[in-house]
Protein backbone atom coordinates (compact mmCIF):
# COMPACT_ATOMS: atom_id res chain seq x y z
CA MET A 1 19.98 -21.99 -7.35
CA ASN A 2 16.33 -21.02 -6.72
CA ARG A 3 16.28 -18.57 -9.64
CA ASN A 4 12.63 -18.90 -10.72
CA VAL A 5 10.50 -16.82 -8.36
CA LEU A 6 6.73 -16.30 -8.47
CA ILE A 7 5.45 -13.06 -6.92
CA SER A 8 1.76 -12.58 -6.16
CA GLY A 9 0.65 -8.94 -6.51
CA ALA A 10 1.45 -6.19 -9.04
CA SER A 11 0.81 -3.08 -6.94
CA ILE A 12 4.01 -1.70 -5.32
CA ALA A 13 5.93 -4.43 -3.46
CA GLY A 14 5.57 -6.97 -6.29
CA PRO A 15 7.04 -4.96 -9.18
CA ALA A 16 9.70 -3.46 -6.87
CA LEU A 17 10.80 -6.96 -5.85
CA ALA A 18 10.71 -8.13 -9.47
CA TYR A 19 12.96 -5.21 -10.45
CA TRP A 20 15.60 -6.06 -7.84
CA LEU A 21 15.43 -9.80 -8.46
CA GLY A 22 16.01 -9.19 -12.16
CA ARG A 23 19.03 -7.02 -11.39
CA HIS A 24 20.46 -9.87 -9.32
CA GLY A 25 19.98 -12.43 -12.10
CA PHE A 26 16.76 -14.12 -10.96
CA ASN A 27 13.79 -14.92 -13.20
CA PRO A 28 10.71 -13.30 -11.62
CA THR A 29 7.09 -13.91 -12.63
CA VAL A 30 4.32 -11.68 -11.24
CA VAL A 31 0.69 -12.84 -11.09
CA GLU A 32 -2.04 -10.23 -10.58
CA LEU A 33 -5.79 -10.73 -10.15
CA ALA A 34 -6.69 -7.47 -11.90
CA PRO A 35 -6.96 -7.67 -15.71
CA ALA A 36 -4.43 -4.87 -16.14
CA LEU A 37 -2.14 -2.63 -14.14
CA ARG A 38 -4.22 -0.66 -11.65
CA GLY A 39 -4.25 3.12 -12.08
CA GLY A 40 -5.50 5.93 -9.88
CA GLY A 41 -5.49 5.60 -6.13
CA GLN A 42 -4.55 7.90 -3.29
CA ALA A 43 -1.24 9.69 -2.90
CA VAL A 44 1.63 7.81 -1.26
CA ASP A 45 4.68 9.37 0.32
CA PHE A 46 8.32 8.72 1.13
CA ARG A 47 10.16 10.29 4.02
CA GLY A 48 13.53 9.92 5.69
CA ALA A 49 16.95 8.72 4.57
CA THR A 50 16.10 5.02 4.26
CA HIS A 51 13.23 5.53 1.81
CA LEU A 52 15.23 7.98 -0.28
CA THR A 53 18.30 5.70 -0.35
CA VAL A 54 16.29 2.85 -1.87
CA LEU A 55 14.72 5.18 -4.44
CA GLU A 56 18.14 6.57 -5.32
CA ARG A 57 19.63 3.08 -5.77
CA MET A 58 16.75 2.23 -8.10
CA GLY A 59 17.43 5.39 -10.10
CA LEU A 60 13.86 6.58 -9.53
CA LEU A 61 14.40 9.88 -7.72
CA PRO A 62 14.47 12.17 -10.79
CA GLU A 63 11.27 10.71 -12.25
CA LEU A 64 9.44 10.68 -8.94
CA ARG A 65 10.39 14.29 -8.25
CA ALA A 66 9.09 15.21 -11.69
CA MET A 67 5.71 13.59 -11.03
CA GLN A 68 5.31 14.48 -7.34
CA THR A 69 2.09 16.14 -6.25
CA GLY A 70 3.69 18.79 -4.05
CA GLY A 71 1.98 17.43 -0.96
CA SER A 72 -1.57 17.55 0.32
CA PRO A 73 -2.47 20.14 2.94
CA MET A 74 -5.39 19.18 5.19
CA THR A 75 -8.00 21.58 6.55
CA PHE A 76 -10.65 20.60 9.09
CA VAL A 77 -13.80 22.77 9.23
CA ASP A 78 -17.02 23.01 11.21
CA GLU A 79 -20.49 22.52 9.73
CA GLY A 80 -20.52 26.12 8.49
CA GLY A 81 -17.17 25.76 6.72
CA ARG A 82 -15.08 27.73 9.25
CA THR A 83 -11.51 26.49 9.66
CA LEU A 84 -10.76 24.63 12.90
CA LEU A 85 -7.33 23.19 12.01
CA HIS A 86 -4.96 23.47 9.06
CA LEU A 87 -2.09 21.04 8.50
CA PRO A 88 0.65 21.88 5.95
CA ALA A 89 1.44 19.72 2.94
CA GLU A 90 4.58 18.23 4.49
CA PHE A 91 2.58 16.77 7.39
CA ALA A 92 1.06 14.10 5.16
CA GLY A 93 3.28 14.36 2.08
CA GLY A 94 6.75 13.61 3.43
CA ALA A 95 9.82 14.34 1.29
CA ILE A 96 8.17 13.06 -1.91
CA GLU A 97 4.48 12.42 -2.54
CA VAL A 98 3.21 10.80 -5.75
CA LEU A 99 0.01 9.11 -6.85
CA ARG A 100 -0.02 5.37 -6.20
CA GLY A 101 -0.95 4.65 -9.82
CA ASP A 102 2.02 6.66 -11.12
CA LEU A 103 4.42 4.80 -8.84
CA ALA A 104 2.97 1.41 -9.79
CA ARG A 105 3.32 2.18 -13.50
CA LEU A 106 6.93 3.31 -13.08
CA LEU A 107 7.90 0.18 -11.15
CA TYR A 108 6.13 -2.02 -13.70
CA GLU A 109 7.98 -0.38 -16.58
CA ARG A 110 11.35 -0.68 -14.81
CA SER A 111 10.81 -4.39 -14.12
CA LEU A 112 9.34 -5.36 -17.49
CA ASP A 113 12.56 -6.25 -19.31
CA HIS A 114 13.18 -9.25 -17.08
CA THR A 115 9.76 -10.09 -15.66
CA GLU A 116 6.85 -12.17 -16.93
CA TYR A 117 3.48 -10.67 -15.91
CA LEU A 118 0.31 -12.76 -15.68
CA PHE A 119 -2.68 -10.43 -15.43
CA GLY A 120 -6.24 -11.55 -14.76
CA ASP A 121 -5.21 -14.63 -12.82
CA SER A 122 -4.60 -15.71 -9.23
CA ILE A 123 -3.11 -18.54 -7.20
CA THR A 124 -5.51 -21.25 -6.02
CA GLY A 125 -3.10 -23.77 -4.53
CA LEU A 126 0.48 -24.10 -3.24
CA THR A 127 2.16 -27.48 -2.77
CA GLU A 128 5.79 -27.67 -1.71
CA THR A 129 7.80 -30.35 -3.52
CA PRO A 130 11.37 -31.57 -2.94
CA SER A 131 12.64 -29.10 -5.55
CA GLY A 132 10.21 -26.16 -5.36
CA VAL A 133 6.56 -25.18 -5.08
CA ARG A 134 3.85 -26.41 -7.42
CA VAL A 135 1.46 -23.54 -8.03
CA ASP A 136 -2.12 -23.96 -9.23
CA PHE A 137 -3.75 -20.98 -10.94
CA ARG A 138 -7.36 -20.03 -11.54
CA HIS A 139 -6.83 -19.93 -15.32
CA ALA A 140 -3.26 -20.85 -16.28
CA ALA A 141 -1.85 -24.35 -16.18
CA SER A 142 -0.07 -25.41 -13.00
CA ARG A 143 3.64 -24.64 -12.87
CA GLU A 144 6.53 -25.23 -10.51
CA PHE A 145 8.63 -22.38 -9.14
CA ASP A 146 11.64 -22.42 -6.87
CA LEU A 147 10.17 -19.79 -4.52
CA VAL A 148 6.83 -18.01 -4.02
CA ILE A 149 6.56 -14.51 -2.56
CA GLY A 150 3.31 -12.99 -1.28
CA ALA A 151 3.34 -9.27 -2.14
CA ASP A 152 -0.45 -9.14 -2.29
CA GLY A 153 -1.32 -6.79 0.52
CA LEU A 154 -3.16 -6.86 3.81
CA HIS A 155 -5.67 -9.43 2.53
CA SER A 156 -2.92 -11.63 1.08
CA ASN A 157 -4.01 -14.70 -0.85
CA VAL A 158 -0.55 -16.28 -0.50
CA ARG A 159 -0.62 -15.80 3.27
CA ARG A 160 -4.04 -17.46 3.46
CA LEU A 161 -2.90 -20.46 1.38
CA ALA A 162 0.50 -20.97 3.01
CA PHE A 163 0.06 -19.67 6.57
CA GLY A 164 -3.63 -19.91 7.45
CA PRO A 165 -6.89 -17.92 7.47
CA GLU A 166 -6.81 -14.12 7.49
CA GLU A 167 -8.49 -13.84 10.90
CA ASP A 168 -5.38 -15.43 12.46
CA TYR A 169 -3.19 -12.53 11.31
CA VAL A 170 -5.28 -9.41 10.61
CA SER A 171 -6.70 -7.28 13.43
CA HIS A 172 -9.51 -4.76 13.00
CA LEU A 173 -8.55 -1.36 14.48
CA GLY A 174 -12.07 -0.05 14.89
CA TYR A 175 -12.47 2.08 11.74
CA TYR A 176 -13.37 1.89 8.04
CA ALA A 177 -12.15 4.07 5.16
CA ALA A 178 -13.56 4.78 1.70
CA THR A 179 -12.48 6.81 -1.34
CA TRP A 180 -14.13 7.58 -4.67
CA GLN A 181 -14.03 10.10 -7.52
CA LEU A 182 -16.64 12.74 -8.35
CA ALA A 183 -17.10 15.84 -10.51
CA ASN A 184 -15.58 18.95 -8.92
CA GLU A 185 -18.73 21.04 -9.23
CA ARG A 186 -17.99 23.01 -6.06
CA GLY A 187 -14.54 24.11 -7.18
CA TRP A 188 -12.54 22.40 -4.43
CA GLY A 189 -8.91 23.50 -4.40
CA ARG A 190 -5.57 21.85 -3.67
CA GLY A 191 -5.48 19.68 -0.60
CA SER A 192 -8.44 18.27 1.31
CA VAL A 193 -11.19 19.87 3.36
CA GLY A 194 -12.75 17.68 6.04
CA TYR A 195 -15.69 17.81 8.40
CA ASN A 196 -15.78 15.78 11.61
CA THR A 197 -18.38 14.58 14.02
CA PRO A 198 -17.36 12.10 16.75
CA GLY A 199 -16.16 8.92 15.05
CA ARG A 200 -16.70 10.22 11.49
CA LEU A 201 -14.74 12.19 8.88
CA ALA A 202 -16.05 13.33 5.49
CA SER A 203 -13.46 15.07 3.31
CA VAL A 204 -13.01 16.13 -0.30
CA GLY A 205 -10.33 17.74 -2.44
CA ALA A 206 -9.55 18.50 -6.09
CA ASP A 207 -7.88 15.87 -8.25
CA ARG A 208 -4.19 16.72 -8.55
CA ARG A 209 -4.13 16.11 -12.31
CA ASP A 210 -7.61 17.15 -13.39
CA PRO A 211 -9.13 20.06 -11.44
CA ALA A 212 -12.53 19.22 -12.97
CA ARG A 213 -12.49 16.08 -10.83
CA ALA A 214 -12.37 15.66 -7.06
CA GLY A 215 -11.80 12.82 -4.62
CA ALA A 216 -13.87 12.01 -1.54
CA PHE A 217 -12.32 10.36 1.52
CA PHE A 218 -14.57 9.10 4.33
CA VAL A 219 -13.60 7.45 7.62
CA PHE A 220 -15.96 6.11 10.28
CA ALA A 221 -15.67 4.16 13.52
CA GLY A 222 -17.42 0.84 13.84
CA PRO A 223 -17.12 -2.77 14.93
CA GLU A 224 -15.91 -5.41 12.51
CA LEU A 225 -18.53 -5.74 9.77
CA SER A 226 -19.49 -8.75 7.70
CA TYR A 227 -19.76 -7.77 4.04
CA ASP A 228 -18.75 -8.89 0.56
CA ARG A 229 -15.43 -7.27 -0.38
CA HIS A 230 -16.37 -7.66 -4.05
CA ASP A 231 -19.83 -6.03 -3.81
CA PRO A 232 -19.47 -2.22 -4.13
CA GLU A 233 -23.22 -1.62 -3.91
CA GLN A 234 -23.34 -3.25 -0.48
CA GLN A 235 -20.32 -1.19 0.59
CA LYS A 236 -21.99 2.02 -0.62
CA ARG A 237 -25.00 1.25 1.57
CA LEU A 238 -22.73 0.75 4.60
CA ILE A 239 -21.13 4.16 4.02
CA ALA A 240 -24.47 5.92 3.45
CA ASP A 241 -25.86 4.43 6.67
CA ALA A 242 -22.79 5.50 8.67
CA PHE A 243 -23.06 9.14 7.49
CA SER A 244 -26.83 9.48 7.38
CA GLY A 245 -28.15 12.76 8.80
CA LEU A 246 -24.87 14.73 8.75
CA GLY A 247 -24.67 18.29 7.45
CA TRP A 248 -21.93 20.29 5.70
CA GLU A 249 -21.30 18.79 2.20
CA VAL A 250 -22.04 15.23 3.27
CA PRO A 251 -25.44 14.83 1.48
CA ARG A 252 -23.90 16.07 -1.79
CA LEU A 253 -20.92 13.72 -1.42
CA LEU A 254 -23.15 10.74 -0.62
CA ASP A 255 -25.18 11.53 -3.72
CA SER A 256 -21.98 11.35 -5.79
CA LEU A 257 -21.15 8.02 -4.12
CA ARG A 258 -24.32 6.45 -5.49
CA ARG A 259 -23.16 7.28 -9.04
CA ALA A 260 -19.45 6.48 -8.55
CA PRO A 261 -18.26 3.74 -10.95
CA GLU A 262 -15.34 2.76 -8.68
CA LEU A 263 -15.03 2.61 -4.91
CA TYR A 264 -12.26 1.73 -2.49
CA PHE A 265 -13.62 0.51 0.83
CA ASP A 266 -11.80 -1.40 3.56
CA SER A 267 -11.36 -1.67 7.29
CA ILE A 268 -8.44 0.07 8.93
CA SER A 269 -6.56 -3.01 10.08
CA ARG A 270 -3.07 -4.35 10.67
CA ALA A 271 -1.33 -7.63 9.85
CA ASP A 272 0.92 -9.37 12.36
CA VAL A 273 2.62 -12.56 11.20
CA ASP A 274 4.81 -14.42 13.68
CA THR A 275 7.32 -15.45 11.02
CA TRP A 276 7.42 -14.07 7.50
CA SER A 277 8.37 -17.32 5.75
CA ARG A 278 7.35 -20.95 5.68
CA GLY A 279 9.49 -23.28 3.65
CA ARG A 280 9.85 -21.82 0.17
CA VAL A 281 7.10 -19.21 0.65
CA CYS A 282 7.81 -15.72 2.00
CA LEU A 283 5.79 -12.54 2.60
CA VAL A 284 6.77 -8.97 1.80
CA GLY A 285 5.16 -5.58 2.41
CA ASP A 286 1.66 -5.32 3.88
CA ALA A 287 1.14 -9.08 3.67
CA ALA A 288 3.80 -9.54 6.36
CA CYS A 289 3.49 -6.42 8.50
CA GLY A 290 1.01 -3.96 7.09
CA ALA A 291 -1.45 -1.30 8.16
CA THR A 292 -4.26 -0.01 5.97
CA ILE A 293 -3.47 3.70 6.36
CA GLY A 294 -0.75 5.65 8.15
CA GLY A 295 1.77 2.85 8.62
CA MET A 296 4.25 4.04 5.98
CA GLY A 297 3.34 0.89 4.06
CA THR A 298 4.56 2.02 0.64
CA GLY A 299 7.99 3.05 1.84
CA THR A 300 8.32 -0.08 3.97
CA ALA A 301 7.33 -2.26 1.00
CA MET A 302 10.02 -0.67 -1.19
CA VAL A 303 12.65 -1.18 1.51
CA ALA A 304 11.54 -4.79 2.09
CA ALA A 305 11.70 -5.60 -1.64
CA TYR A 306 15.24 -4.24 -1.81
CA VAL A 307 16.42 -6.22 1.22
CA LEU A 308 14.69 -9.50 0.31
CA ALA A 309 16.15 -9.52 -3.20
CA GLY A 310 19.56 -8.51 -1.90
CA GLU A 311 19.64 -11.25 0.73
CA LEU A 312 18.59 -13.87 -1.83
CA ALA A 313 21.45 -12.73 -4.05
CA ARG A 314 23.93 -12.63 -1.17
CA ALA A 315 22.94 -16.17 -0.14
CA GLY A 316 23.29 -17.49 -3.68
CA GLY A 317 19.61 -18.37 -3.76
CA ASP A 318 19.67 -20.26 -0.42
CA HIS A 319 16.16 -19.32 0.66
CA ARG A 320 16.50 -20.52 4.25
CA ALA A 321 19.46 -18.25 4.97
CA ALA A 322 18.08 -15.36 2.92
CA PHE A 323 14.59 -15.41 4.42
CA ALA A 324 16.00 -15.53 7.95
CA ARG A 325 18.38 -12.60 7.36
CA TYR A 326 15.68 -10.58 5.59
CA GLU A 327 13.31 -10.92 8.53
CA ASP A 328 16.00 -10.39 11.15
CA ARG A 329 17.09 -7.17 9.45
CA LEU A 330 13.63 -5.68 8.90
CA ARG A 331 11.13 -6.96 11.47
CA LYS A 332 11.83 -4.32 14.14
CA TYR A 333 11.90 -1.55 11.53
CA ALA A 334 8.64 -2.65 9.87
CA LYS A 335 6.87 -2.98 13.22
CA GLY A 336 7.99 0.51 14.19
CA CYS A 337 6.59 1.98 10.98
CA GLN A 338 3.41 -0.05 11.31
CA THR A 339 2.48 1.40 14.71
CA GLY A 340 1.57 4.70 13.06
CA GLY A 341 -1.41 2.92 11.52
CA ASP A 342 -2.77 2.09 14.97
CA ARG A 343 -3.45 5.78 15.56
CA THR A 344 -4.75 6.74 12.11
CA GLY A 345 -8.46 6.20 12.69
CA LYS A 346 -8.38 7.97 16.04
CA PHE A 347 -6.48 10.88 14.53
CA LEU A 348 -8.76 11.32 11.51
CA ALA A 349 -12.03 10.72 13.36
CA PRO A 350 -11.69 10.94 17.17
CA GLY A 351 -14.53 9.15 18.89
CA THR A 352 -15.71 11.99 21.14
CA ALA A 353 -16.27 15.74 20.94
CA THR A 354 -13.57 16.16 23.60
CA GLY A 355 -11.17 14.13 21.47
CA LEU A 356 -11.86 16.33 18.44
CA ARG A 357 -11.16 19.51 20.41
CA PHE A 358 -7.98 18.01 21.87
CA ARG A 359 -6.65 16.99 18.42
CA ASN A 360 -7.39 20.36 16.89
CA GLY A 361 -5.83 22.25 19.77
CA LEU A 362 -2.69 20.12 19.99
CA LEU A 363 -1.93 20.11 16.27
CA SER A 364 -2.46 23.87 16.08
CA LYS A 365 0.74 24.25 18.11
CA PRO A 366 3.79 24.51 15.75
CA VAL A 367 6.12 22.95 18.33
CA PHE A 368 4.05 19.76 18.55
CA LEU A 369 3.51 19.61 14.80
CA ASN A 370 7.24 19.89 14.10
CA TRP A 371 7.96 17.20 16.70
CA MET A 372 5.56 14.83 14.92
CA LEU A 373 7.24 15.52 11.56
CA ARG A 374 10.70 14.80 13.01
CA LEU A 375 9.42 11.62 14.67
CA GLY A 376 8.04 10.33 11.37
CA GLU A 377 11.38 10.88 9.65
CA LYS A 378 13.24 9.14 12.49
CA VAL A 379 10.99 6.05 12.48
CA SER A 380 11.13 5.71 8.69
CA SER A 381 14.96 5.84 8.74
CA ASP A 382 15.58 3.53 11.70
CA VAL A 383 17.35 0.71 9.84
CA ALA A 384 20.78 0.21 8.29
CA LEU A 385 20.61 -0.73 4.60
CA PRO A 386 23.38 -2.90 3.14
CA ASP A 387 24.70 -1.89 -0.25
CA TYR A 388 24.29 -5.17 -2.11
CA ALA A 389 26.30 -3.59 -4.94
CA ALA A 390 24.85 -5.69 -7.75
CA GLU A 391 25.52 -4.51 -11.28
CA PRO A 392 22.47 -4.46 -13.60
CA ARG A 393 22.36 -7.67 -15.62
CA ARG A 394 19.82 -9.74 -17.46
CA PRO A 395 18.62 -13.03 -16.02
CA ASN A 396 19.35 -16.29 -17.76
CA PRO A 397 17.07 -16.56 -20.81
CA GLY A 398 14.09 -18.85 -20.46
CA PRO A 399 10.54 -19.21 -21.69
CA GLY A 400 8.37 -16.19 -20.92
CA VAL A 401 11.06 -14.06 -19.30
CA SER A 402 11.73 -11.60 -22.10
CA GLY A 403 9.22 -9.01 -20.99
CA ASP A 404 6.19 -10.92 -22.27
CA VAL A 405 2.87 -9.73 -20.85
CA VAL A 406 0.48 -12.65 -20.72
CA THR A 407 -3.17 -11.82 -20.04
CA PHE A 408 -5.84 -14.30 -19.06
CA PRO A 409 -9.57 -13.58 -18.99
CA VAL A 410 -11.00 -12.77 -15.58
């Protein structure tokens, strides 16, 4: 019946899928490279009827509304701090905006009763057998599962092992983005304040929970770089070089970067996979059709988790039928959402002075701004969601599926 399902990734798509699989009577296991659930992170948003329908069916709307940030207004200034463009909170925040870490924790807690979590481990090998997939782990003993799902993001390990190298599927869109935390010594307020030069954005805003803290967000244009994704000191040097010589608050922010204990740094890229499944392995969320920023990836991941679990239940565990229906139902929708990410770098850091003036002038017009808001809601709702109508129920009991949290050393 293909009831034992391994999911790689414990950010958003993984726990959401585990939650729905458990409701449909499957036995999900989630493996996550990090030693514990990841906290912090940028705000993520939901917009449009489709996103809200999935959240409502999960019973999450009241809790998410209680923890929402209220949105993040964006102000762009010149070197002297004079306002050039102000965007209201709903432009970036959608109907509901919450911190990624809060959402991840909520999904984890909702899935825990019927999910085994393996933290501090990762998949090193996948071998399909007549009855399932033998999975080799970095630390744990090899095990066999009926199905394996890659919910491990744009740089998916499962996609690399089962489909091929990342360069075959991930395209660089010409920009890089970085975020880090710092002390709010300047008294930054709600929302972000950003300073542009052609091809570069430096922005900062107060932490939504702790006004004594602030978050920096930098974006810069550049060709595809060769660097170690696990070496933050090398990444800090790349950022410092890209913003060397700029005015405004940039020197102060770069100084805080040198002392920052944690850094997020990645290219703005997109994943395009010709088919989302191979045999007993399937991709969900950014691993299948993602964009680093601006592609409504969180909402799409939640929708995809709902549909994939529902189709597996509807097909009685027949993965061939379920995977085909899942992709047929969602591919056009996911691609439509993803295209927003193609424009993110150019919107945040236009490559020319003319481009900066054009962006600021166009978005200062309420008519155009409202049109963009309506377009975002339309794209995010452009799919019909079946009501799989499954009653909550526990999966069949088995070893390690009673909410155990198993942690292995990194």
